[in-house]
N, C-alpha and C. Protein backbone atom coordinates (compact mmCIF):
# COMPACT_ATOMS: atom_id res chain seq x y z
N UNK A 1 0.84 -1.17 0.00
CA UNK A 1 0.00 0.00 0.00
C UNK A 1 0.89 1.23 0.00
N UNK A 2 0.56 2.22 -0.81
CA UNK A 2 1.35 3.45 -0.87
C UNK A 2 0.81 4.45 0.13
N UNK A 3 1.60 5.47 0.42
CA UNK A 3 1.22 6.48 1.40
C UNK A 3 -0.01 7.26 0.97
N UNK A 4 -0.25 7.36 -0.35
CA UNK A 4 -1.39 8.15 -0.82
C UNK A 4 -2.65 7.30 -1.04
N UNK A 5 -2.64 6.02 -0.66
CA UNK A 5 -3.82 5.17 -0.79
C UNK A 5 -4.85 5.57 0.25
N UNK A 6 -6.08 5.78 -0.19
CA UNK A 6 -7.17 6.14 0.71
C UNK A 6 -7.74 4.89 1.36
N UNK A 7 -7.75 4.86 2.68
CA UNK A 7 -8.33 3.74 3.42
C UNK A 7 -9.78 4.08 3.69
N UNK A 8 -10.70 3.29 3.13
CA UNK A 8 -12.12 3.53 3.31
C UNK A 8 -12.63 2.96 4.62
N UNK A 9 -12.07 1.84 5.02
CA UNK A 9 -12.48 1.17 6.24
C UNK A 9 -11.43 0.12 6.58
N UNK A 10 -11.62 -0.55 7.69
CA UNK A 10 -10.68 -1.60 8.08
C UNK A 10 -11.44 -2.87 8.46
N UNK A 11 -10.82 -4.00 8.14
CA UNK A 11 -11.31 -5.32 8.51
C UNK A 11 -10.38 -5.83 9.60
N UNK A 12 -10.92 -6.18 10.76
CA UNK A 12 -10.07 -6.74 11.82
C UNK A 12 -9.65 -8.15 11.44
N UNK A 13 -8.40 -8.44 11.66
CA UNK A 13 -7.85 -9.76 11.34
C UNK A 13 -7.63 -10.51 12.65
N UNK A 14 -8.42 -11.54 12.87
CA UNK A 14 -8.37 -12.33 14.11
C UNK A 14 -7.31 -13.42 14.01
N UNK A 15 -7.23 -14.07 12.85
CA UNK A 15 -6.29 -15.17 12.67
C UNK A 15 -6.02 -15.39 11.18
N UNK A 16 -4.79 -15.80 10.86
CA UNK A 16 -4.43 -16.22 9.51
C UNK A 16 -4.13 -17.71 9.61
N UNK A 17 -4.74 -18.51 8.72
CA UNK A 17 -4.71 -19.97 8.85
C UNK A 17 -4.31 -20.62 7.53
N UNK A 18 -3.49 -21.64 7.61
CA UNK A 18 -3.05 -22.37 6.42
C UNK A 18 -3.00 -23.87 6.70
N UNK A 19 -2.95 -24.66 5.63
CA UNK A 19 -2.78 -26.12 5.76
C UNK A 19 -2.36 -26.70 4.42
N UNK A 20 -1.60 -27.75 4.50
CA UNK A 20 -1.30 -28.59 3.34
C UNK A 20 -2.36 -29.69 3.31
N UNK A 21 -2.68 -30.24 2.15
CA UNK A 21 -3.67 -31.32 2.09
C UNK A 21 -3.27 -32.53 2.93
N UNK A 22 -4.29 -33.12 3.56
CA UNK A 22 -4.08 -34.33 4.34
C UNK A 22 -5.35 -35.17 4.23
N UNK A 23 -5.27 -36.41 4.66
CA UNK A 23 -6.43 -37.31 4.64
C UNK A 23 -7.35 -36.91 5.78
N UNK A 24 -8.62 -36.63 5.45
CA UNK A 24 -9.60 -36.24 6.48
C UNK A 24 -10.62 -37.34 6.76
N UNK A 25 -10.58 -38.40 5.99
CA UNK A 25 -11.51 -39.51 6.18
C UNK A 25 -11.48 -40.43 4.97
N UNK A 26 -12.42 -41.36 4.97
CA UNK A 26 -12.50 -42.34 3.88
C UNK A 26 -13.94 -42.46 3.40
N UNK A 27 -14.11 -42.64 2.12
CA UNK A 27 -15.41 -42.95 1.53
C UNK A 27 -15.22 -44.19 0.67
N UNK A 28 -15.97 -45.24 1.01
CA UNK A 28 -15.88 -46.53 0.31
C UNK A 28 -14.43 -47.02 0.25
N UNK A 29 -13.71 -46.81 1.35
CA UNK A 29 -12.33 -47.27 1.44
C UNK A 29 -11.30 -46.38 0.76
N UNK A 30 -11.74 -45.31 0.12
CA UNK A 30 -10.82 -44.41 -0.56
C UNK A 30 -10.53 -43.18 0.31
N UNK A 31 -9.26 -42.83 0.45
CA UNK A 31 -8.93 -41.67 1.28
C UNK A 31 -9.42 -40.37 0.63
N UNK A 32 -9.89 -39.46 1.48
CA UNK A 32 -10.33 -38.15 1.03
C UNK A 32 -9.29 -37.13 1.48
N UNK A 33 -8.66 -36.49 0.50
CA UNK A 33 -7.65 -35.47 0.78
C UNK A 33 -8.31 -34.10 0.80
N UNK A 34 -7.85 -33.25 1.71
CA UNK A 34 -8.36 -31.89 1.77
C UNK A 34 -7.36 -30.98 2.48
N UNK A 35 -7.40 -29.72 2.13
CA UNK A 35 -6.62 -28.70 2.82
C UNK A 35 -7.49 -27.91 3.79
N UNK A 36 -8.65 -28.47 4.16
CA UNK A 36 -9.61 -27.75 5.00
C UNK A 36 -9.14 -27.60 6.45
N UNK A 37 -8.24 -28.44 6.90
CA UNK A 37 -7.82 -28.43 8.30
C UNK A 37 -6.84 -27.31 8.63
N UNK A 38 -7.26 -26.09 8.46
CA UNK A 38 -6.37 -24.93 8.65
C UNK A 38 -5.99 -24.74 10.12
N UNK A 39 -4.77 -24.28 10.32
CA UNK A 39 -4.24 -23.96 11.65
C UNK A 39 -3.63 -22.55 11.60
N UNK A 40 -3.71 -21.81 12.72
CA UNK A 40 -3.14 -20.46 12.74
C UNK A 40 -1.65 -20.44 12.43
N UNK A 41 -1.25 -19.41 11.71
CA UNK A 41 0.15 -19.20 11.34
C UNK A 41 0.89 -18.62 12.54
N UNK A 42 2.07 -19.15 12.84
CA UNK A 42 2.86 -18.69 13.98
C UNK A 42 3.82 -17.56 13.60
N UNK A 43 4.21 -17.47 12.34
CA UNK A 43 5.16 -16.44 11.92
C UNK A 43 4.51 -15.05 11.95
N UNK A 44 5.32 -14.02 11.94
CA UNK A 44 4.82 -12.64 11.98
C UNK A 44 4.28 -12.18 10.63
N UNK A 45 4.83 -12.74 9.54
CA UNK A 45 4.39 -12.40 8.18
C UNK A 45 4.34 -13.66 7.34
N UNK A 46 3.70 -13.55 6.19
CA UNK A 46 3.73 -14.65 5.22
C UNK A 46 3.57 -14.08 3.81
N UNK A 47 3.95 -14.86 2.85
CA UNK A 47 3.89 -14.48 1.44
C UNK A 47 2.48 -14.77 0.92
N UNK A 48 1.94 -13.81 0.19
CA UNK A 48 0.65 -13.96 -0.47
C UNK A 48 0.93 -14.06 -1.97
N UNK A 49 0.64 -15.21 -2.57
CA UNK A 49 0.88 -15.41 -4.00
C UNK A 49 -0.45 -15.48 -4.74
N UNK A 50 -0.40 -15.55 -6.05
CA UNK A 50 -1.62 -15.52 -6.87
C UNK A 50 -2.60 -16.66 -6.56
N UNK A 51 -2.08 -17.80 -6.16
CA UNK A 51 -2.94 -18.96 -5.94
C UNK A 51 -3.08 -19.40 -4.50
N UNK A 52 -2.22 -18.94 -3.61
CA UNK A 52 -2.22 -19.42 -2.23
C UNK A 52 -1.50 -18.46 -1.31
N UNK A 53 -1.73 -18.69 -0.03
CA UNK A 53 -0.88 -18.11 0.99
C UNK A 53 0.28 -19.06 1.21
N UNK A 54 1.39 -18.56 1.66
CA UNK A 54 2.54 -19.40 1.98
C UNK A 54 2.13 -20.48 2.98
N UNK A 55 2.43 -21.75 2.65
CA UNK A 55 2.09 -22.87 3.53
C UNK A 55 0.69 -23.43 3.34
N UNK A 56 -0.03 -22.92 2.34
CA UNK A 56 -1.41 -23.36 2.13
C UNK A 56 -1.56 -23.97 0.74
N UNK A 57 -2.35 -25.02 0.63
CA UNK A 57 -2.63 -25.66 -0.65
C UNK A 57 -4.05 -26.23 -0.63
N UNK A 58 -4.58 -26.51 -1.81
CA UNK A 58 -5.87 -27.18 -1.95
C UNK A 58 -5.62 -28.56 -2.56
N UNK A 59 -6.47 -29.51 -2.20
CA UNK A 59 -6.29 -30.88 -2.67
C UNK A 59 -6.98 -31.14 -4.00
N UNK A 60 -8.16 -30.58 -4.21
CA UNK A 60 -8.95 -30.85 -5.40
C UNK A 60 -9.13 -29.54 -6.19
N UNK A 61 -8.24 -29.30 -7.11
CA UNK A 61 -8.24 -28.03 -7.85
C UNK A 61 -9.38 -27.92 -8.85
N UNK A 62 -10.15 -28.99 -9.04
CA UNK A 62 -11.32 -28.89 -9.92
C UNK A 62 -12.39 -28.00 -9.29
N UNK A 63 -12.49 -28.00 -7.96
CA UNK A 63 -13.55 -27.24 -7.28
C UNK A 63 -13.04 -26.27 -6.22
N UNK A 64 -11.77 -26.35 -5.87
CA UNK A 64 -11.20 -25.47 -4.85
C UNK A 64 -10.01 -24.74 -5.42
N UNK A 65 -9.73 -23.57 -4.86
CA UNK A 65 -8.54 -22.82 -5.27
C UNK A 65 -8.69 -22.19 -6.63
N UNK A 66 -7.58 -21.86 -7.23
CA UNK A 66 -7.56 -21.13 -8.48
C UNK A 66 -7.49 -19.64 -8.22
N UNK A 67 -7.31 -18.88 -9.28
CA UNK A 67 -7.10 -17.44 -9.12
C UNK A 67 -8.27 -16.73 -8.45
N UNK A 68 -9.50 -17.14 -8.73
CA UNK A 68 -10.65 -16.45 -8.14
C UNK A 68 -10.99 -16.93 -6.73
N UNK A 69 -10.30 -17.98 -6.27
CA UNK A 69 -10.55 -18.51 -4.92
C UNK A 69 -9.21 -18.78 -4.22
N UNK A 70 -8.30 -17.83 -4.33
CA UNK A 70 -6.97 -18.01 -3.76
C UNK A 70 -6.96 -17.90 -2.24
N UNK A 71 -7.83 -17.03 -1.70
CA UNK A 71 -7.88 -16.78 -0.26
C UNK A 71 -9.35 -16.84 0.17
N UNK A 72 -9.60 -17.48 1.30
CA UNK A 72 -10.95 -17.60 1.82
C UNK A 72 -11.05 -16.89 3.17
N UNK A 73 -12.03 -15.98 3.32
CA UNK A 73 -12.24 -15.24 4.56
C UNK A 73 -13.56 -15.66 5.19
N UNK A 74 -13.56 -15.73 6.53
CA UNK A 74 -14.77 -16.11 7.25
C UNK A 74 -14.89 -15.26 8.51
N UNK A 75 -16.08 -14.67 8.75
CA UNK A 75 -16.26 -13.81 9.93
C UNK A 75 -16.25 -14.60 11.25
N UNK A 76 -15.46 -14.12 12.19
CA UNK A 76 -15.40 -14.74 13.51
C UNK A 76 -16.73 -14.65 14.24
N UNK A 77 -17.54 -13.66 13.89
CA UNK A 77 -18.84 -13.50 14.53
C UNK A 77 -19.73 -14.74 14.37
N UNK A 78 -19.53 -15.49 13.32
CA UNK A 78 -20.35 -16.68 13.07
C UNK A 78 -19.98 -17.86 13.96
N UNK A 79 -18.78 -17.89 14.48
CA UNK A 79 -18.29 -19.06 15.21
C UNK A 79 -19.12 -19.35 16.46
N UNK A 80 -19.46 -18.32 17.21
CA UNK A 80 -20.28 -18.51 18.42
C UNK A 80 -21.67 -19.02 18.05
N UNK A 81 -22.23 -18.49 16.96
CA UNK A 81 -23.56 -18.95 16.53
C UNK A 81 -23.54 -20.43 16.17
N UNK A 82 -22.49 -20.88 15.48
CA UNK A 82 -22.38 -22.30 15.14
C UNK A 82 -22.26 -23.15 16.40
N UNK A 83 -21.46 -22.70 17.36
CA UNK A 83 -21.31 -23.46 18.61
C UNK A 83 -22.63 -23.53 19.36
N UNK A 84 -23.39 -22.45 19.34
CA UNK A 84 -24.69 -22.43 20.01
C UNK A 84 -25.68 -23.37 19.32
N UNK A 85 -25.68 -23.37 18.00
CA UNK A 85 -26.62 -24.20 17.24
C UNK A 85 -26.26 -25.68 17.25
N UNK A 86 -24.97 -25.98 17.15
CA UNK A 86 -24.54 -27.36 16.97
C UNK A 86 -23.89 -27.98 18.19
N UNK A 87 -23.57 -27.17 19.18
CA UNK A 87 -22.93 -27.68 20.39
C UNK A 87 -21.47 -27.30 20.43
N UNK A 88 -20.89 -27.40 21.62
CA UNK A 88 -19.52 -26.95 21.81
C UNK A 88 -18.44 -27.90 21.28
N UNK A 89 -18.82 -29.10 20.86
CA UNK A 89 -17.83 -30.07 20.36
C UNK A 89 -18.10 -30.40 18.91
N UNK A 90 -17.19 -30.32 18.00
CA UNK A 90 -15.87 -29.73 18.23
C UNK A 90 -16.00 -28.20 18.35
N UNK A 91 -15.06 -27.56 19.00
CA UNK A 91 -15.16 -26.10 19.12
C UNK A 91 -14.98 -25.44 17.75
N UNK A 92 -15.77 -24.42 17.53
CA UNK A 92 -15.64 -23.67 16.28
C UNK A 92 -14.77 -22.45 16.54
N UNK A 93 -13.49 -22.58 16.24
CA UNK A 93 -12.53 -21.50 16.42
C UNK A 93 -11.95 -21.11 15.08
N UNK A 94 -10.96 -20.22 15.08
CA UNK A 94 -10.32 -19.81 13.83
C UNK A 94 -9.85 -21.01 13.02
N UNK A 95 -10.16 -20.99 11.73
CA UNK A 95 -9.78 -22.06 10.81
C UNK A 95 -10.78 -23.19 10.73
N UNK A 96 -11.81 -23.19 11.58
CA UNK A 96 -12.76 -24.31 11.64
C UNK A 96 -13.53 -24.51 10.34
N UNK A 97 -13.68 -23.47 9.55
CA UNK A 97 -14.42 -23.58 8.29
C UNK A 97 -13.47 -23.65 7.09
N UNK A 98 -12.20 -23.87 7.37
CA UNK A 98 -11.21 -23.96 6.30
C UNK A 98 -10.79 -22.61 5.77
N UNK A 99 -11.08 -21.56 6.55
CA UNK A 99 -10.76 -20.22 6.08
C UNK A 99 -9.29 -19.88 6.31
N UNK A 100 -8.77 -19.06 5.39
CA UNK A 100 -7.42 -18.53 5.54
C UNK A 100 -7.41 -17.32 6.46
N UNK A 101 -8.45 -16.50 6.34
CA UNK A 101 -8.53 -15.28 7.15
C UNK A 101 -9.78 -15.35 8.03
N UNK A 102 -9.58 -15.36 9.33
CA UNK A 102 -10.69 -15.23 10.26
C UNK A 102 -10.77 -13.75 10.59
N UNK A 103 -11.89 -13.13 10.23
CA UNK A 103 -12.03 -11.67 10.32
C UNK A 103 -13.05 -11.27 11.37
N UNK A 104 -13.16 -9.97 11.62
CA UNK A 104 -14.19 -9.44 12.50
C UNK A 104 -14.60 -8.06 12.00
N UNK A 105 -15.86 -7.75 12.23
CA UNK A 105 -16.37 -6.43 11.90
C UNK A 105 -17.12 -6.33 10.58
N UNK A 106 -17.01 -7.34 9.75
CA UNK A 106 -17.67 -7.35 8.44
C UNK A 106 -18.35 -8.69 8.24
N UNK A 107 -19.62 -8.65 7.86
CA UNK A 107 -20.37 -9.87 7.55
C UNK A 107 -20.69 -9.89 6.05
N UNK A 108 -21.31 -10.97 5.62
CA UNK A 108 -21.64 -11.14 4.19
C UNK A 108 -22.53 -10.01 3.66
N UNK A 109 -23.35 -9.42 4.50
CA UNK A 109 -24.21 -8.32 4.07
C UNK A 109 -23.49 -6.99 3.99
N UNK A 110 -22.24 -6.94 4.48
CA UNK A 110 -21.43 -5.71 4.46
C UNK A 110 -20.40 -5.71 3.32
N UNK A 111 -19.86 -6.87 3.00
CA UNK A 111 -18.80 -7.01 2.01
C UNK A 111 -19.42 -7.07 0.62
N UNK A 112 -18.84 -6.31 -0.32
CA UNK A 112 -19.35 -6.29 -1.70
C UNK A 112 -18.40 -7.02 -2.64
N UNK A 113 -18.99 -7.67 -3.63
CA UNK A 113 -18.18 -8.29 -4.69
C UNK A 113 -17.40 -7.15 -5.36
N UNK A 114 -16.11 -7.35 -5.48
CA UNK A 114 -15.25 -6.33 -6.07
C UNK A 114 -14.51 -5.46 -5.07
N UNK A 115 -14.86 -5.54 -3.77
CA UNK A 115 -14.12 -4.79 -2.76
C UNK A 115 -12.64 -5.14 -2.87
N UNK A 116 -11.79 -4.14 -2.70
CA UNK A 116 -10.34 -4.35 -2.77
C UNK A 116 -9.76 -4.11 -1.38
N UNK A 117 -8.98 -5.10 -0.92
CA UNK A 117 -8.35 -5.06 0.39
C UNK A 117 -6.84 -4.96 0.23
N UNK A 118 -6.23 -4.04 0.97
CA UNK A 118 -4.77 -3.92 1.03
C UNK A 118 -4.31 -4.61 2.31
N UNK A 119 -3.53 -5.65 2.13
CA UNK A 119 -3.03 -6.45 3.26
C UNK A 119 -1.52 -6.51 3.13
N UNK A 120 -0.83 -5.73 3.93
CA UNK A 120 0.62 -5.60 3.79
C UNK A 120 0.92 -5.08 2.39
N UNK A 121 1.82 -5.74 1.67
CA UNK A 121 2.17 -5.36 0.30
C UNK A 121 1.17 -5.91 -0.72
N UNK A 122 0.31 -6.83 -0.30
CA UNK A 122 -0.59 -7.51 -1.23
C UNK A 122 -1.90 -6.75 -1.39
N UNK A 123 -2.51 -6.91 -2.57
CA UNK A 123 -3.85 -6.40 -2.84
C UNK A 123 -4.74 -7.59 -3.17
N UNK A 124 -5.90 -7.66 -2.50
CA UNK A 124 -6.86 -8.74 -2.71
C UNK A 124 -8.19 -8.14 -3.15
N UNK A 125 -8.99 -8.93 -3.87
CA UNK A 125 -10.31 -8.48 -4.31
C UNK A 125 -11.35 -9.56 -4.05
N UNK A 126 -12.45 -9.16 -3.42
CA UNK A 126 -13.54 -10.08 -3.13
C UNK A 126 -14.17 -10.55 -4.44
N UNK A 127 -14.33 -11.88 -4.60
CA UNK A 127 -14.84 -12.41 -5.87
C UNK A 127 -16.19 -13.10 -5.77
N UNK A 128 -16.44 -13.86 -4.69
CA UNK A 128 -17.67 -14.65 -4.63
C UNK A 128 -17.87 -15.25 -3.24
N UNK A 129 -19.13 -15.61 -2.94
CA UNK A 129 -19.38 -16.35 -1.69
C UNK A 129 -18.87 -17.78 -1.82
N UNK A 130 -18.70 -18.42 -0.69
CA UNK A 130 -18.28 -19.82 -0.70
C UNK A 130 -19.48 -20.72 -0.89
N UNK A 131 -19.29 -21.75 -1.68
CA UNK A 131 -20.26 -22.84 -1.79
C UNK A 131 -19.61 -24.05 -1.13
N UNK A 132 -20.10 -24.47 0.03
CA UNK A 132 -19.43 -25.53 0.78
C UNK A 132 -19.63 -26.91 0.14
N UNK A 133 -18.69 -27.81 0.42
CA UNK A 133 -18.79 -29.18 -0.06
C UNK A 133 -18.85 -30.14 1.12
N UNK A 134 -18.96 -31.41 0.83
CA UNK A 134 -19.11 -32.45 1.84
C UNK A 134 -17.92 -32.50 2.81
N UNK A 135 -16.78 -31.96 2.42
CA UNK A 135 -15.60 -32.02 3.29
C UNK A 135 -15.78 -31.19 4.55
N UNK A 136 -16.59 -30.14 4.49
CA UNK A 136 -16.89 -29.36 5.69
C UNK A 136 -17.67 -30.23 6.68
N UNK A 137 -18.65 -30.96 6.19
CA UNK A 137 -19.42 -31.86 7.05
C UNK A 137 -18.52 -32.96 7.62
N UNK A 138 -17.62 -33.46 6.79
CA UNK A 138 -16.73 -34.53 7.22
C UNK A 138 -15.79 -34.06 8.33
N UNK A 139 -15.25 -32.87 8.22
CA UNK A 139 -14.29 -32.40 9.21
C UNK A 139 -14.95 -31.92 10.50
N UNK A 140 -16.16 -31.38 10.41
CA UNK A 140 -16.83 -30.90 11.62
C UNK A 140 -17.61 -32.01 12.32
N UNK A 141 -17.97 -33.06 11.58
CA UNK A 141 -18.78 -34.13 12.17
C UNK A 141 -20.27 -33.82 12.19
N UNK A 142 -20.68 -32.77 11.47
CA UNK A 142 -22.09 -32.39 11.41
C UNK A 142 -22.58 -32.50 9.96
N UNK A 143 -23.26 -33.59 9.60
CA UNK A 143 -23.73 -33.77 8.23
C UNK A 143 -24.64 -32.65 7.74
N UNK A 144 -25.36 -31.99 8.64
CA UNK A 144 -26.30 -30.94 8.23
C UNK A 144 -25.66 -29.58 8.03
N UNK A 145 -24.38 -29.45 8.31
CA UNK A 145 -23.78 -28.12 8.31
C UNK A 145 -23.75 -27.47 6.92
N UNK A 146 -23.58 -28.25 5.88
CA UNK A 146 -23.55 -27.70 4.52
C UNK A 146 -24.91 -27.10 4.17
N UNK A 147 -25.98 -27.83 4.46
CA UNK A 147 -27.33 -27.33 4.19
C UNK A 147 -27.61 -26.09 5.03
N UNK A 148 -27.24 -26.13 6.30
CA UNK A 148 -27.46 -24.98 7.20
C UNK A 148 -26.72 -23.75 6.71
N UNK A 149 -25.46 -23.93 6.33
CA UNK A 149 -24.66 -22.81 5.86
C UNK A 149 -25.27 -22.20 4.61
N UNK A 150 -25.75 -23.02 3.72
CA UNK A 150 -26.39 -22.54 2.50
C UNK A 150 -27.68 -21.79 2.82
N UNK A 151 -28.46 -22.30 3.78
CA UNK A 151 -29.72 -21.66 4.13
C UNK A 151 -29.52 -20.35 4.88
N UNK A 152 -28.56 -20.30 5.81
CA UNK A 152 -28.43 -19.10 6.63
C UNK A 152 -27.51 -18.03 6.03
N UNK A 153 -26.80 -18.36 4.97
CA UNK A 153 -25.97 -17.37 4.29
C UNK A 153 -24.68 -17.02 5.00
N UNK A 154 -24.31 -17.80 6.00
CA UNK A 154 -23.04 -17.55 6.70
C UNK A 154 -21.92 -18.28 5.94
N UNK A 155 -21.66 -17.81 4.74
CA UNK A 155 -20.78 -18.51 3.80
C UNK A 155 -19.33 -18.06 3.85
N UNK A 156 -19.08 -16.82 4.24
CA UNK A 156 -17.76 -16.25 4.03
C UNK A 156 -17.59 -15.93 2.56
N UNK A 157 -16.38 -15.55 2.16
CA UNK A 157 -16.17 -15.14 0.77
C UNK A 157 -14.74 -15.42 0.33
N UNK A 158 -14.60 -15.57 -0.98
CA UNK A 158 -13.29 -15.78 -1.59
C UNK A 158 -12.74 -14.46 -2.10
N UNK A 159 -11.41 -14.42 -2.18
CA UNK A 159 -10.72 -13.26 -2.73
C UNK A 159 -9.67 -13.73 -3.73
N UNK A 160 -9.47 -12.93 -4.77
CA UNK A 160 -8.35 -13.15 -5.70
C UNK A 160 -7.21 -12.24 -5.27
N UNK A 161 -6.01 -12.58 -5.68
CA UNK A 161 -4.83 -11.78 -5.38
C UNK A 161 -4.53 -10.91 -6.60
N UNK A 162 -4.74 -9.62 -6.46
CA UNK A 162 -4.44 -8.68 -7.54
C UNK A 162 -2.95 -8.37 -7.61
N UNK A 163 -2.34 -8.30 -6.44
CA UNK A 163 -0.90 -8.03 -6.36
C UNK A 163 -0.32 -8.88 -5.25
N UNK A 164 0.57 -9.83 -5.57
CA UNK A 164 1.22 -10.62 -4.53
C UNK A 164 2.09 -9.73 -3.64
N UNK A 165 2.39 -10.23 -2.46
CA UNK A 165 3.24 -9.48 -1.55
C UNK A 165 3.42 -10.21 -0.24
N UNK A 166 3.99 -9.51 0.71
CA UNK A 166 4.19 -10.03 2.06
C UNK A 166 3.17 -9.34 2.96
N UNK A 167 2.50 -10.12 3.80
CA UNK A 167 1.44 -9.59 4.65
C UNK A 167 1.68 -9.94 6.11
N UNK A 168 1.29 -9.03 7.01
CA UNK A 168 1.42 -9.31 8.44
C UNK A 168 0.31 -10.25 8.90
N UNK A 169 0.62 -11.08 9.88
CA UNK A 169 -0.36 -12.01 10.42
C UNK A 169 -1.24 -11.32 11.47
N UNK A 170 -0.78 -10.21 12.01
CA UNK A 170 -1.57 -9.45 12.99
C UNK A 170 -1.90 -8.08 12.42
N UNK A 171 -2.94 -7.48 12.96
CA UNK A 171 -3.32 -6.13 12.54
C UNK A 171 -4.45 -6.14 11.55
N UNK A 172 -4.96 -4.97 11.21
CA UNK A 172 -6.10 -4.90 10.31
C UNK A 172 -5.72 -5.02 8.84
N UNK A 173 -6.73 -5.26 8.04
CA UNK A 173 -6.63 -5.20 6.58
C UNK A 173 -7.42 -3.97 6.16
N UNK A 174 -6.84 -3.17 5.27
CA UNK A 174 -7.49 -1.94 4.83
C UNK A 174 -8.38 -2.18 3.61
N UNK A 175 -9.60 -1.66 3.65
CA UNK A 175 -10.48 -1.67 2.49
C UNK A 175 -10.17 -0.40 1.72
N UNK A 176 -9.69 -0.53 0.47
CA UNK A 176 -9.22 0.64 -0.27
C UNK A 176 -10.06 0.96 -1.51
N UNK A 177 -10.99 0.08 -1.88
CA UNK A 177 -11.88 0.37 -3.02
C UNK A 177 -13.18 -0.40 -2.85
N UNK A 178 -14.29 0.27 -3.21
CA UNK A 178 -15.61 -0.37 -3.13
C UNK A 178 -16.47 0.16 -4.28
N UNK A 179 -17.34 -0.70 -4.79
CA UNK A 179 -18.33 -0.29 -5.78
C UNK A 179 -19.68 -0.34 -5.08
N UNK A 180 -20.26 0.82 -4.82
CA UNK A 180 -21.50 0.88 -4.04
C UNK A 180 -22.66 0.16 -4.73
N UNK A 181 -22.59 0.02 -6.05
CA UNK A 181 -23.69 -0.65 -6.76
C UNK A 181 -23.48 -2.16 -6.89
N UNK A 182 -22.32 -2.64 -6.49
CA UNK A 182 -22.04 -4.09 -6.59
C UNK A 182 -22.85 -4.84 -5.54
N UNK A 183 -23.25 -6.08 -5.83
CA UNK A 183 -23.99 -6.86 -4.84
C UNK A 183 -23.11 -7.21 -3.65
N UNK A 184 -23.74 -7.36 -2.50
CA UNK A 184 -23.01 -7.85 -1.34
C UNK A 184 -22.77 -9.35 -1.54
N UNK A 185 -21.91 -9.90 -0.72
CA UNK A 185 -21.67 -11.34 -0.75
C UNK A 185 -22.97 -12.08 -0.45
N UNK A 186 -23.75 -11.58 0.50
CA UNK A 186 -25.01 -12.23 0.85
C UNK A 186 -25.99 -12.17 -0.32
N UNK A 187 -26.08 -11.04 -1.00
CA UNK A 187 -26.96 -10.94 -2.17
C UNK A 187 -26.51 -11.90 -3.27
N UNK A 188 -25.21 -11.99 -3.50
CA UNK A 188 -24.69 -12.92 -4.51
C UNK A 188 -25.02 -14.36 -4.13
N UNK A 189 -24.85 -14.69 -2.86
CA UNK A 189 -25.16 -16.04 -2.38
C UNK A 189 -26.64 -16.36 -2.62
N UNK A 190 -27.51 -15.44 -2.26
CA UNK A 190 -28.95 -15.68 -2.42
C UNK A 190 -29.32 -15.78 -3.89
N UNK A 191 -28.62 -15.05 -4.74
CA UNK A 191 -28.87 -15.15 -6.18
C UNK A 191 -28.43 -16.47 -6.77
N UNK A 192 -27.41 -17.11 -6.16
CA UNK A 192 -26.90 -18.38 -6.66
C UNK A 192 -27.61 -19.57 -6.06
N UNK A 193 -28.13 -19.41 -4.83
CA UNK A 193 -28.73 -20.54 -4.10
C UNK A 193 -30.05 -20.96 -4.67
């Protein structure tokens, strides 16, 4: 971000989470690989590249990852609601939904498709809501979670990397561009559902 960049707002960053693919279970005796088991990053900074954060990968590139889904953000505000609805086990903490960025202060009805975020040297752009797959149900142990997430719109959102760079693991992310006429993530989700 340059000194003359206008900061429109800030997104609180609660946790940055990454994972390499691992076996999360078996279906008909076949191992299921996924990168959904995200864990908080311990380093102070990490590299943000066009397809991934440093230390993060997706297992099934047919439906996960790619330039338009390089980074996944999920509001921390939803975690308590999930624990209340589904119970305290397993605990729903940062990374529980396979998100790279656990955020605070912005929900799906606040974030617009096309919003641009400045995170350290990197620039990210909101692209679409998440459409969950069976791996979320498999890792949480709640078969109904995919249907519930789709119904309640607590999807989180994907971002593309407009400019790679190095980003801090702590501190806010700056919102530097917005299109007021663009649909919110929640509106996009409802239009697709």
